[in-house]
Amino acid sequence: MPYKDPQQRRSRHREYMRTYLKTHRAAVKHRALVKANAARQRAAVRALVSEFRSHHLDAGKKDLSIARMATMRWSRARAQAELAKCVCVCANCHRKIHAGKLTAIAPASA
């Protein structure tokens, strides 16, 4: 018999799912799917970052390290917005910019 009270129904469903996922083979499959999905998202963000390999012009404007985007599972749109604040430089030029031997060039879109 269904529950008339939605709160009671949700509570019962949560309780059921906890026991179901602990005792059923579906739990293993579900965890594997979640891990695979997370890995796919990380790979997509890493691919996006590797496309740009960028350097922030103003550290105050940056939300987070670009390398952390993949581990934080940012959406593609949010990652692109963050990368739009950057200038693409090679690793050697990046070091020179931080050492003060080279000044960063403004992005083409700015």
PDB file of N, CA and C in Angstrom:
ATOM      1  N   MET A   1       0.847  -1.179   0.000  1.00  0.00           N
ATOM      2  CA  MET A   1       0.000   0.000   0.000  1.00  0.00           C
ATOM      3  C   MET A   1       0.894   1.244   0.000  1.00  0.00           C
ATOM      4  N   PRO A   2       0.654   2.165  -0.899  1.00  0.00           N
ATOM      5  CA  PRO A   2       1.499   3.354  -0.982  1.00  0.00           C
ATOM      6  C   PRO A   2       1.269   4.296   0.201  1.00  0.00           C
ATOM      7  N   TYR A   3       2.312   5.064   0.471  1.00  0.00           N
ATOM      8  CA  TYR A   3       2.227   6.055   1.547  1.00  0.00           C
ATOM      9  C   TYR A   3       1.550   7.307   1.027  1.00  0.00           C
ATOM     10  N   LYS A   4       0.631   7.867   1.822  1.00  0.00           N
ATOM     11  CA  LYS A   4      -0.026   9.107   1.416  1.00  0.00           C
ATOM     12  C   LYS A   4       0.838  10.311   1.712  1.00  0.00           C
ATOM     13  N   ASP A   5       1.615  10.224   2.771  1.00  0.00           N
ATOM     14  CA  ASP A   5       2.487  11.332   3.149  1.00  0.00           C
ATOM     15  C   ASP A   5       3.787  11.264   2.335  1.00  0.00           C
ATOM     16  N   PRO A   6       4.096  12.312   1.530  1.00  0.00           N
ATOM     17  CA  PRO A   6       5.300  12.276   0.692  1.00  0.00           C
ATOM     18  C   PRO A   6       6.596  12.176   1.503  1.00  0.00           C
ATOM     19  N   GLN A   7       6.654  12.804   2.668  1.00  0.00           N
ATOM     20  CA  GLN A   7       7.859  12.728   3.504  1.00  0.00           C
ATOM     21  C   GLN A   7       8.091  11.296   3.980  1.00  0.00           C
ATOM     22  N   GLN A   8       7.031  10.643   4.382  1.00  0.00           N
ATOM     23  CA  GLN A   8       7.130   9.268   4.856  1.00  0.00           C
ATOM     24  C   GLN A   8       7.542   8.346   3.697  1.00  0.00           C
ATOM     25  N   ARG A   9       6.996   8.594   2.523  1.00  0.00           N
ATOM     26  CA  ARG A   9       7.331   7.796   1.346  1.00  0.00           C
ATOM     27  C   ARG A   9       8.811   7.944   0.996  1.00  0.00           C
ATOM     28  N   ARG A  10       9.313   9.199   1.002  1.00  0.00           N
ATOM     29  CA  ARG A  10      10.733   9.441   0.702  1.00  0.00           C
ATOM     30  C   ARG A  10      11.640   8.782   1.739  1.00  0.00           C
ATOM     31  N   SER A  11      11.236   8.889   2.998  1.00  0.00           N
ATOM     32  CA  SER A  11      12.008   8.285   4.075  1.00  0.00           C
ATOM     33  C   SER A  11      12.100   6.771   3.893  1.00  0.00           C
ATOM     34  N   ARG A  12      10.986   6.142   3.603  1.00  0.00           N
ATOM     35  CA  ARG A  12      10.959   4.692   3.393  1.00  0.00           C
ATOM     36  C   ARG A  12      11.778   4.293   2.175  1.00  0.00           C
ATOM     37  N   HIS A  13      11.696   5.094   1.119  1.00  0.00           N
ATOM     38  CA  HIS A  13      12.441   4.789  -0.095  1.00  0.00           C
ATOM     39  C   HIS A  13      13.947   4.887   0.159  1.00  0.00           C
ATOM     40  N   ARG A  14      14.369   5.918   0.887  1.00  0.00           N
ATOM     41  CA  ARG A  14      15.792   6.065   1.228  1.00  0.00           C
ATOM     42  C   ARG A  14      16.276   4.860   2.024  1.00  0.00           C
ATOM     43  N   GLU A  15      15.483   4.455   3.000  1.00  0.00           N
ATOM     44  CA  GLU A  15      15.839   3.307   3.833  1.00  0.00           C
ATOM     45  C   GLU A  15      15.945   2.041   2.976  1.00  0.00           C
ATOM     46  N   TYR A  16      14.991   1.855   2.091  1.00  0.00           N
ATOM     47  CA  TYR A  16      14.997   0.700   1.201  1.00  0.00           C
ATOM     48  C   TYR A  16      16.235   0.689   0.312  1.00  0.00           C
ATOM     49  N   MET A  17      16.546   1.837  -0.274  1.00  0.00           N
ATOM     50  CA  MET A  17      17.689   1.913  -1.187  1.00  0.00           C
ATOM     51  C   MET A  17      19.002   1.659  -0.447  1.00  0.00           C
ATOM     52  N   ARG A  18      19.112   2.121   0.782  1.00  0.00           N
ATOM     53  CA  ARG A  18      20.336   1.856   1.557  1.00  0.00           C
ATOM     54  C   ARG A  18      20.552   0.367   1.745  1.00  0.00           C
ATOM     55  N   THR A  19      19.508  -0.338   2.139  1.00  0.00           N
ATOM     56  CA  THR A  19      19.650  -1.776   2.351  1.00  0.00           C
ATOM     57  C   THR A  19      19.811  -2.506   1.017  1.00  0.00           C
ATOM     58  N   TYR A  20      19.111  -2.065  -0.003  1.00  0.00           N
ATOM     59  CA  TYR A  20      19.187  -2.696  -1.324  1.00  0.00           C
ATOM     60  C   TYR A  20      20.603  -2.582  -1.877  1.00  0.00           C
ATOM     61  N   LEU A  21      21.179  -1.391  -1.794  1.00  0.00           N
ATOM     62  CA  LEU A  21      22.505  -1.191  -2.363  1.00  0.00           C
ATOM     63  C   LEU A  21      23.595  -1.882  -1.551  1.00  0.00           C
ATOM     64  N   LYS A  22      23.341  -2.140  -0.293  1.00  0.00           N
ATOM     65  CA  LYS A  22      24.332  -2.846   0.524  1.00  0.00           C
ATOM     66  C   LYS A  22      24.295  -4.348   0.263  1.00  0.00           C
ATOM     67  N   THR A  23      23.132  -4.871  -0.097  1.00  0.00           N
ATOM     68  CA  THR A  23      22.975  -6.319  -0.192  1.00  0.00           C
ATOM     69  C   THR A  23      22.815  -6.839  -1.611  1.00  0.00           C
ATOM     70  N   HIS A  24      22.739  -5.981  -2.582  1.00  0.00           N
ATOM     71  CA  HIS A  24      22.417  -6.420  -3.927  1.00  0.00           C
ATOM     72  C   HIS A  24      23.605  -6.237  -4.865  1.00  0.00           C
ATOM     73  N   ARG A  25      23.637  -7.056  -5.912  1.00  0.00           N
ATOM     74  CA  ARG A  25      24.700  -6.948  -6.914  1.00  0.00           C
ATOM     75  C   ARG A  25      24.662  -5.606  -7.636  1.00  0.00           C
ATOM     76  N   ALA A  26      23.515  -4.959  -7.630  1.00  0.00           N
ATOM     77  CA  ALA A  26      23.382  -3.678  -8.306  1.00  0.00           C
ATOM     78  C   ALA A  26      24.308  -2.639  -7.700  1.00  0.00           C
ATOM     79  N   ALA A  27      24.630  -2.796  -6.428  1.00  0.00           N
ATOM     80  CA  ALA A  27      25.518  -1.840  -5.760  1.00  0.00           C
ATOM     81  C   ALA A  27      26.872  -1.799  -6.439  1.00  0.00           C
ATOM     82  N   VAL A  28      27.400  -2.967  -6.728  1.00  0.00           N
ATOM     83  CA  VAL A  28      28.713  -3.044  -7.380  1.00  0.00           C
ATOM     84  C   VAL A  28      28.641  -2.419  -8.768  1.00  0.00           C
ATOM     85  N   LYS A  29      27.596  -2.739  -9.489  1.00  0.00           N
ATOM     86  CA  LYS A  29      27.425  -2.187 -10.832  1.00  0.00           C
ATOM     87  C   LYS A  29      27.254  -0.668 -10.772  1.00  0.00           C
ATOM     88  N   HIS A  30      26.464  -0.200  -9.816  1.00  0.00           N
ATOM     89  CA  HIS A  30      26.219   1.233  -9.670  1.00  0.00           C
ATOM     90  C   HIS A  30      27.516   1.984  -9.368  1.00  0.00           C
ATOM     91  N   ARG A  31      28.294   1.463  -8.413  1.00  0.00           N
ATOM     92  CA  ARG A  31      29.570   2.115  -8.070  1.00  0.00           C
ATOM     93  C   ARG A  31      30.505   2.143  -9.265  1.00  0.00           C
ATOM     94  N   ALA A  32      30.526   1.062 -10.031  1.00  0.00           N
ATOM     95  CA  ALA A  32      31.379   1.011 -11.225  1.00  0.00           C
ATOM     96  C   ALA A  32      30.941   2.057 -12.248  1.00  0.00           C
ATOM     97  N   LEU A  33      29.637   2.216 -12.418  1.00  0.00           N
ATOM     98  CA  LEU A  33      29.128   3.224 -13.353  1.00  0.00           C
ATOM     99  C   LEU A  33      29.474   4.633 -12.895  1.00  0.00           C
ATOM    100  N   VAL A  34      29.358   4.888 -11.584  1.00  0.00           N
ATOM    101  CA  VAL A  34      29.693   6.206 -11.050  1.00  0.00           C
ATOM    102  C   VAL A  34      31.171   6.502 -11.268  1.00  0.00           C
ATOM    103  N   LYS A  35      32.034   5.530 -10.987  1.00  0.00           N
ATOM    104  CA  LYS A  35      33.471   5.718 -11.189  1.00  0.00           C
ATOM    105  C   LYS A  35      33.799   5.946 -12.661  1.00  0.00           C
ATOM    106  N   ALA A  36      33.160   5.190 -13.540  1.00  0.00           N
ATOM    107  CA  ALA A  36      33.403   5.346 -14.979  1.00  0.00           C
ATOM    108  C   ALA A  36      32.962   6.724 -15.456  1.00  0.00           C
ATOM    109  N   ASN A  37      31.815   7.184 -14.956  1.00  0.00           N
ATOM    110  CA  ASN A  37      31.324   8.501 -15.342  1.00  0.00           C
ATOM    111  C   ASN A  37      32.268   9.596 -14.860  1.00  0.00           C
ATOM    112  N   ALA A  38      32.750   9.473 -13.639  1.00  0.00           N
ATOM    113  CA  ALA A  38      33.692  10.459 -13.094  1.00  0.00           C
ATOM    114  C   ALA A  38      34.981  10.458 -13.902  1.00  0.00           C
ATOM    115  N   ALA A  39      35.456   9.286 -14.269  1.00  0.00           N
ATOM    116  CA  ALA A  39      36.677   9.193 -15.071  1.00  0.00           C
ATOM    117  C   ALA A  39      36.481   9.833 -16.439  1.00  0.00           C
ATOM    118  N   ARG A  40      35.311   9.612 -17.044  1.00  0.00           N
ATOM    119  CA  ARG A  40      35.010  10.228 -18.346  1.00  0.00           C
ATOM    120  C   ARG A  40      34.991  11.742 -18.239  1.00  0.00           C
ATOM    121  N   GLN A  41      34.385  12.268 -17.168  1.00  0.00           N
ATOM    122  CA  GLN A  41      34.336  13.718 -16.980  1.00  0.00           C
ATOM    123  C   GLN A  41      35.735  14.290 -16.774  1.00  0.00           C
ATOM    124  N   ARG A  42      36.551  13.627 -15.947  1.00  0.00           N
ATOM    125  CA  ARG A  42      37.915  14.096 -15.723  1.00  0.00           C
ATOM    126  C   ARG A  42      38.707  14.102 -17.023  1.00  0.00           C
ATOM    127  N   ALA A  43      38.554  13.050 -17.824  1.00  0.00           N
ATOM    128  CA  ALA A  43      39.266  12.960 -19.095  1.00  0.00           C
ATOM    129  C   ALA A  43      38.835  14.071 -20.042  1.00  0.00           C
ATOM    130  N   ALA A  44      37.538  14.379 -20.064  1.00  0.00           N
ATOM    131  CA  ALA A  44      37.043  15.437 -20.951  1.00  0.00           C
ATOM    132  C   ALA A  44      37.599  16.799 -20.550  1.00  0.00           C
ATOM    133  N   VAL A  45      37.629  17.067 -19.248  1.00  0.00           N
ATOM    134  CA  VAL A  45      38.154  18.355 -18.792  1.00  0.00           C
ATOM    135  C   VAL A  45      39.658  18.419 -19.027  1.00  0.00           C
ATOM    136  N   ARG A  46      40.357  17.309 -18.803  1.00  0.00           N
ATOM    137  CA  ARG A  46      41.802  17.293 -19.068  1.00  0.00           C
ATOM    138  C   ARG A  46      42.092  17.540 -20.530  1.00  0.00           C
ATOM    139  N   ALA A  47      41.282  16.960 -21.414  1.00  0.00           N
ATOM    140  CA  ALA A  47      41.464  17.185 -22.848  1.00  0.00           C
ATOM    141  C   ALA A  47      41.240  18.657 -23.182  1.00  0.00           C
ATOM    142  N   LEU A  48      40.237  19.250 -22.583  1.00  0.00           N
ATOM    143  CA  LEU A  48      39.959  20.666 -22.815  1.00  0.00           C
ATOM    144  C   LEU A  48      41.118  21.528 -22.339  1.00  0.00           C
ATOM    145  N   VAL A  49      41.639  21.222 -21.161  1.00  0.00           N
ATOM    146  CA  VAL A  49      42.759  21.989 -20.616  1.00  0.00           C
ATOM    147  C   VAL A  49      43.989  21.807 -21.480  1.00  0.00           C
ATOM    148  N   SER A  50      44.230  20.595 -21.942  1.00  0.00           N
ATOM    149  CA  SER A  50      45.415  20.372 -22.766  1.00  0.00           C
ATOM    150  C   SER A  50      45.315  21.111 -24.098  1.00  0.00           C
ATOM    151  N   GLU A  51      44.089  21.365 -24.559  1.00  0.00           N
ATOM    152  CA  GLU A  51      43.910  22.164 -25.773  1.00  0.00           C
ATOM    153  C   GLU A  51      44.445  23.575 -25.566  1.00  0.00           C
ATOM    154  N   PHE A  52      44.182  24.133 -24.417  1.00  0.00           N
ATOM    155  CA  PHE A  52      44.503  25.535 -24.177  1.00  0.00           C
ATOM    156  C   PHE A  52      45.855  25.750 -23.502  1.00  0.00           C
ATOM    157  N   ARG A  53      46.221  24.881 -22.537  1.00  0.00           N
ATOM    158  CA  ARG A  53      47.476  25.036 -21.781  1.00  0.00           C
ATOM    159  C   ARG A  53      47.765  26.513 -21.521  1.00  0.00           C
ATOM    160  N   SER A  54      46.973  27.095 -20.688  1.00  0.00           N
ATOM    161  CA  SER A  54      46.951  28.541 -20.548  1.00  0.00           C
ATOM    162  C   SER A  54      47.613  29.066 -19.291  1.00  0.00           C
ATOM    163  N   HIS A  55      47.781  30.403 -19.283  1.00  0.00           N
ATOM    164  CA  HIS A  55      48.378  31.133 -18.163  1.00  0.00           C
ATOM    165  C   HIS A  55      47.446  32.278 -17.820  1.00  0.00           C
ATOM    166  N   HIS A  56      47.128  32.448 -16.556  1.00  0.00           N
ATOM    167  CA  HIS A  56      46.229  33.529 -16.142  1.00  0.00           C
ATOM    168  C   HIS A  56      46.952  34.868 -16.207  1.00  0.00           C
ATOM    169  N   LEU A  57      46.265  35.868 -16.738  1.00  0.00           N
ATOM    170  CA  LEU A  57      46.824  37.217 -16.777  1.00  0.00           C
ATOM    171  C   LEU A  57      46.769  37.866 -15.411  1.00  0.00           C
ATOM    172  N   ASP A  58      45.644  37.725 -14.742  1.00  0.00           N
ATOM    173  CA  ASP A  58      45.449  38.339 -13.434  1.00  0.00           C
ATOM    174  C   ASP A  58      45.067  37.248 -12.442  1.00  0.00           C
ATOM    175  N   ALA A  59      45.963  36.961 -11.509  1.00  0.00           N
ATOM    176  CA  ALA A  59      45.715  35.882 -10.560  1.00  0.00           C
ATOM    177  C   ALA A  59      44.475  36.145  -9.702  1.00  0.00           C
ATOM    178  N   GLY A  60      44.109  37.403  -9.521  1.00  0.00           N
ATOM    179  CA  GLY A  60      42.934  37.737  -8.733  1.00  0.00           C
ATOM    180  C   GLY A  60      41.639  37.319  -9.398  1.00  0.00           C
ATOM    181  N   LYS A  61      41.630  37.193 -10.720  1.00  0.00           N
ATOM    182  CA  LYS A  61      40.425  36.815 -11.457  1.00  0.00           C
ATOM    183  C   LYS A  61      40.228  35.305 -11.525  1.00  0.00           C
ATOM    184  N   LYS A  62      41.271  34.552 -11.263  1.00  0.00           N
ATOM    185  CA  LYS A  62      41.150  33.102 -11.431  1.00  0.00           C
ATOM    186  C   LYS A  62      40.366  32.489 -10.275  1.00  0.00           C
ATOM    187  N   ASP A  63      39.504  31.546 -10.624  1.00  0.00           N
ATOM    188  CA  ASP A  63      38.679  30.871  -9.618  1.00  0.00           C
ATOM    189  C   ASP A  63      39.466  29.768  -8.931  1.00  0.00           C
ATOM    190  N   LEU A  64      40.232  29.033  -9.710  1.00  0.00           N
ATOM    191  CA  LEU A  64      40.932  27.867  -9.206  1.00  0.00           C
ATOM    192  C   LEU A  64      42.033  27.523 -10.198  1.00  0.00           C
ATOM    193  N   SER A  65      43.006  26.789  -9.758  1.00  0.00           N
ATOM    194  CA  SER A  65      44.073  26.333 -10.649  1.00  0.00           C
ATOM    195  C   SER A  65      43.458  25.536 -11.795  1.00  0.00           C
ATOM    196  N   ILE A  66      43.951  25.747 -12.976  1.00  0.00           N
ATOM    197  CA  ILE A  66      43.419  25.056 -14.142  1.00  0.00           C
ATOM    198  C   ILE A  66      43.584  23.547 -13.989  1.00  0.00           C
ATOM    199  N   ALA A  67      44.683  23.119 -13.390  1.00  0.00           N
ATOM    200  CA  ALA A  67      44.915  21.695 -13.205  1.00  0.00           C
ATOM    201  C   ALA A  67      43.857  21.069 -12.300  1.00  0.00           C
ATOM    202  N   ARG A  68      43.260  21.836 -11.406  1.00  0.00           N
ATOM    203  CA  ARG A  68      42.255  21.314 -10.477  1.00  0.00           C
ATOM    204  C   ARG A  68      40.878  21.154 -11.125  1.00  0.00           C
ATOM    205  N   MET A  69      40.686  21.748 -12.322  1.00  0.00           N
ATOM    206  CA  MET A  69      39.379  21.641 -12.979  1.00  0.00           C
ATOM    207  C   MET A  69      38.968  20.191 -13.179  1.00  0.00           C
ATOM    208  N   ALA A  70      39.912  19.371 -13.593  1.00  0.00           N
ATOM    209  CA  ALA A  70      39.590  17.972 -13.867  1.00  0.00           C
ATOM    210  C   ALA A  70      39.239  17.227 -12.590  1.00  0.00           C
ATOM    211  N   THR A  71      39.989  17.469 -11.522  1.00  0.00           N
ATOM    212  CA  THR A  71      39.715  16.752 -10.291  1.00  0.00           C
ATOM    213  C   THR A  71      38.455  17.253  -9.606  1.00  0.00           C
ATOM    214  N   MET A  72      38.086  18.513  -9.829  1.00  0.00           N
ATOM    215  CA  MET A  72      36.881  19.071  -9.224  1.00  0.00           C
ATOM    216  C   MET A  72      35.637  18.793 -10.065  1.00  0.00           C
ATOM    217  N   ARG A  73      35.829  18.166 -11.228  1.00  0.00           N
ATOM    218  CA  ARG A  73      34.743  17.786 -12.136  1.00  0.00           C
ATOM    219  C   ARG A  73      33.908  18.985 -12.569  1.00  0.00           C
ATOM    220  N   TRP A  74      34.605  20.038 -13.024  1.00  0.00           N
ATOM    221  CA  TRP A  74      33.908  21.211 -13.542  1.00  0.00           C
ATOM    222  C   TRP A  74      33.198  20.847 -14.832  1.00  0.00           C
ATOM    223  N   SER A  75      32.116  21.549 -15.127  1.00  0.00           N
ATOM    224  CA  SER A  75      31.421  21.342 -16.393  1.00  0.00           C
ATOM    225  C   SER A  75      32.261  21.947 -17.511  1.00  0.00           C
ATOM    226  N   ARG A  76      31.992  21.520 -18.720  1.00  0.00           N
ATOM    227  CA  ARG A  76      32.738  22.022 -19.883  1.00  0.00           C
ATOM    228  C   ARG A  76      32.563  23.536 -20.033  1.00  0.00           C
ATOM    229  N   ALA A  77      31.349  24.027 -19.817  1.00  0.00           N
ATOM    230  CA  ALA A  77      31.088  25.465 -19.963  1.00  0.00           C
ATOM    231  C   ALA A  77      31.863  26.262 -18.918  1.00  0.00           C
ATOM    232  N   ARG A  78      31.879  25.777 -17.689  1.00  0.00           N
ATOM    233  CA  ARG A  78      32.598  26.494 -16.626  1.00  0.00           C
ATOM    234  C   ARG A  78      34.108  26.471 -16.882  1.00  0.00           C
ATOM    235  N   ALA A  79      34.603  25.341 -17.367  1.00  0.00           N
ATOM    236  CA  ALA A  79      36.034  25.231 -17.675  1.00  0.00           C
ATOM    237  C   ALA A  79      36.397  26.183 -18.823  1.00  0.00           C
ATOM    238  N   GLN A  80      35.557  26.259 -19.837  1.00  0.00           N
ATOM    239  CA  GLN A  80      35.827  27.169 -20.960  1.00  0.00           C
ATOM    240  C   GLN A  80      35.800  28.620 -20.509  1.00  0.00           C
ATOM    241  N   ALA A  81      34.891  28.962 -19.603  1.00  0.00           N
ATOM    242  CA  ALA A  81      34.835  30.334 -19.087  1.00  0.00           C
ATOM    243  C   ALA A  81      36.121  30.672 -18.334  1.00  0.00           C
ATOM    244  N   GLU A  82      36.632  29.712 -17.569  1.00  0.00           N
ATOM    245  CA  GLU A  82      37.878  29.929 -16.834  1.00  0.00           C
ATOM    246  C   GLU A  82      39.066  30.033 -17.801  1.00  0.00           C
ATOM    247  N   LEU A  83      39.071  29.188 -18.830  1.00  0.00           N
ATOM    248  CA  LEU A  83      40.158  29.211 -19.803  1.00  0.00           C
ATOM    249  C   LEU A  83      40.141  30.475 -20.668  1.00  0.00           C
ATOM    250  N   ALA A  84      38.971  31.101 -20.792  1.00  0.00           N
ATOM    251  CA  ALA A  84      38.881  32.336 -21.574  1.00  0.00           C
ATOM    252  C   ALA A  84      39.650  33.474 -20.902  1.00  0.00           C
ATOM    253  N   LYS A  85      39.910  33.345 -19.606  1.00  0.00           N
ATOM    254  CA  LYS A  85      40.654  34.368 -18.872  1.00  0.00           C
ATOM    255  C   LYS A  85      42.165  34.179 -19.023  1.00  0.00           C
ATOM    256  N   CYS A  86      42.582  33.217 -19.833  1.00  0.00           N
ATOM    257  CA  CYS A  86      43.986  32.822 -19.889  1.00  0.00           C
ATOM    258  C   CYS A  86      44.632  33.131 -21.232  1.00  0.00           C
ATOM    259  N   VAL A  87      45.962  33.089 -21.221  1.00  0.00           N
ATOM    260  CA  VAL A  87      46.767  33.221 -22.428  1.00  0.00           C
ATOM    261  C   VAL A  87      47.551  31.929 -22.584  1.00  0.00           C
ATOM    262  N   CYS A  88      47.556  31.377 -23.790  1.00  0.00           N
ATOM    263  CA  CYS A  88      48.242  30.129 -24.041  1.00  0.00           C
ATOM    264  C   CYS A  88      49.748  30.374 -24.161  1.00  0.00           C
ATOM    265  N   VAL A  89      50.523  29.734 -23.297  1.00  0.00           N
ATOM    266  CA  VAL A  89      51.990  29.816 -23.371  1.00  0.00           C
ATOM    267  C   VAL A  89      52.572  28.429 -23.135  1.00  0.00           C
ATOM    268  N   CYS A  90      53.782  28.226 -23.664  1.00  0.00           N
ATOM    269  CA  CYS A  90      54.456  26.952 -23.432  1.00  0.00           C
ATOM    270  C   CYS A  90      55.002  26.926 -22.004  1.00  0.00           C
ATOM    271  N   ALA A  91      55.475  25.767 -21.575  1.00  0.00           N
ATOM    272  CA  ALA A  91      55.977  25.607 -20.214  1.00  0.00           C
ATOM    273  C   ALA A  91      57.183  26.520 -19.960  1.00  0.00           C
ATOM    274  N   ASN A  92      58.047  26.661 -20.952  1.00  0.00           N
ATOM    275  CA  ASN A  92      59.237  27.499 -20.790  1.00  0.00           C
ATOM    276  C   ASN A  92      58.842  28.971 -20.614  1.00  0.00           C
ATOM    277  N   CYS A  93      57.944  29.458 -21.432  1.00  0.00           N
ATOM    278  CA  CYS A  93      57.492  30.851 -21.314  1.00  0.00           C
ATOM    279  C   CYS A  93      56.748  31.067 -19.998  1.00  0.00           C
ATOM    280  N   HIS A  94      56.007  30.076 -19.548  1.00  0.00           N
ATOM    281  CA  HIS A  94      55.299  30.171 -18.276  1.00  0.00           C
ATOM    282  C   HIS A  94      56.293  30.396 -17.141  1.00  0.00           C
ATOM    283  N   ARG A  95      57.391  29.658 -17.174  1.00  0.00           N
ATOM    284  CA  ARG A  95      58.431  29.841 -16.153  1.00  0.00           C
ATOM    285  C   ARG A  95      59.049  31.231 -16.237  1.00  0.00           C
ATOM    286  N   LYS A  96      59.292  31.695 -17.452  1.00  0.00           N
ATOM    287  CA  LYS A  96      59.886  33.029 -17.638  1.00  0.00           C
ATOM    288  C   LYS A  96      58.945  34.121 -17.130  1.00  0.00           C
ATOM    289  N   ILE A  97      57.643  33.953 -17.359  1.00  0.00           N
ATOM    290  CA  ILE A  97      56.666  34.936 -16.882  1.00  0.00           C
ATOM    291  C   ILE A  97      56.696  34.994 -15.358  1.00  0.00           C
ATOM    292  N   HIS A  98      56.714  33.848 -14.714  1.00  0.00           N
ATOM    293  CA  HIS A  98      56.740  33.823 -13.252  1.00  0.00           C
ATOM    294  C   HIS A  98      58.064  34.314 -12.689  1.00  0.00           C
ATOM    295  N   ALA A  99      59.141  34.169 -13.464  1.00  0.00           N
ATOM    296  CA  ALA A  99      60.453  34.654 -13.017  1.00  0.00           C
ATOM    297  C   ALA A  99      60.594  36.157 -13.271  1.00  0.00           C
ATOM    298  N   GLY A 100      59.674  36.732 -14.004  1.00  0.00           N
ATOM    299  CA  GLY A 100      59.718  38.169 -14.295  1.00  0.00           C
ATOM    300  C   GLY A 100      60.587  38.512 -15.488  1.00  0.00           C
ATOM    301  N   LYS A 101      61.047  37.537 -16.240  1.00  0.00           N
ATOM    302  CA  LYS A 101      61.901  37.777 -17.404  1.00  0.00           C
ATOM    303  C   LYS A 101      61.104  38.045 -18.673  1.00  0.00           C
ATOM    304  N   LEU A 102      59.808  37.770 -18.616  1.00  0.00           N
ATOM    305  CA  LEU A 102      58.935  37.914 -19.767  1.00  0.00           C
ATOM    306  C   LEU A 102      57.588  38.437 -19.273  1.00  0.00           C
ATOM    307  N   THR A 103      56.965  39.321 -20.034  1.00  0.00           N
ATOM    308  CA  THR A 103      55.637  39.802 -19.649  1.00  0.00           C
ATOM    309  C   THR A 103      54.588  39.017 -20.435  1.00  0.00           C
ATOM    310  N   ALA A 104      53.480  38.758 -19.790  1.00  0.00           N
ATOM    311  CA  ALA A 104      52.403  38.002 -20.429  1.00  0.00           C
ATOM    312  C   ALA A 104      51.750  38.851 -21.502  1.00  0.00           C
ATOM    313  N   ILE A 105      51.350  38.221 -22.564  1.00  0.00           N
ATOM    314  CA  ILE A 105      50.701  38.880 -23.685  1.00  0.00           C
ATOM    315  C   ILE A 105      49.192  38.753 -23.489  1.00  0.00           C
ATOM    316  N   ALA A 106      48.448  39.796 -23.800  1.00  0.00           N
ATOM    317  CA  ALA A 106      46.990  39.774 -23.638  1.00  0.00           C
ATOM    318  C   ALA A 106      46.383  38.755 -24.592  1.00  0.00           C
ATOM    319  N   PRO A 107      45.301  38.096 -24.197  1.00  0.00           N
ATOM    320  CA  PRO A 107      44.661  37.131 -25.089  1.00  0.00           C
ATOM    321  C   PRO A 107      44.085  37.799 -26.320  1.00  0.00           C
ATOM    322  N   ALA A 108      43.951  37.044 -27.395  1.00  0.00           N
ATOM    323  CA  ALA A 108      43.452  37.576 -28.652  1.00  0.00           C
ATOM    324  C   ALA A 108      42.040  38.108 -28.543  1.00  0.00           C
ATOM    325  N   SER A 109      41.236  37.508 -27.680  1.00  0.00           N
ATOM    326  CA  SER A 109      39.840  37.932 -27.552  1.00  0.00           C
ATOM    327  C   SER A 109      39.676  39.197 -26.710  1.00  0.00           C
ATOM    328  N   ALA A 110      40.709  39.592 -25.975  1.00  0.00           N
ATOM    329  CA  ALA A 110      40.607  40.759 -25.083  1.00  0.00           C
ATOM    330  C   ALA A 110      40.777  42.061 -25.832  1.00  0.00           C
TER     331      ALA A 110
END
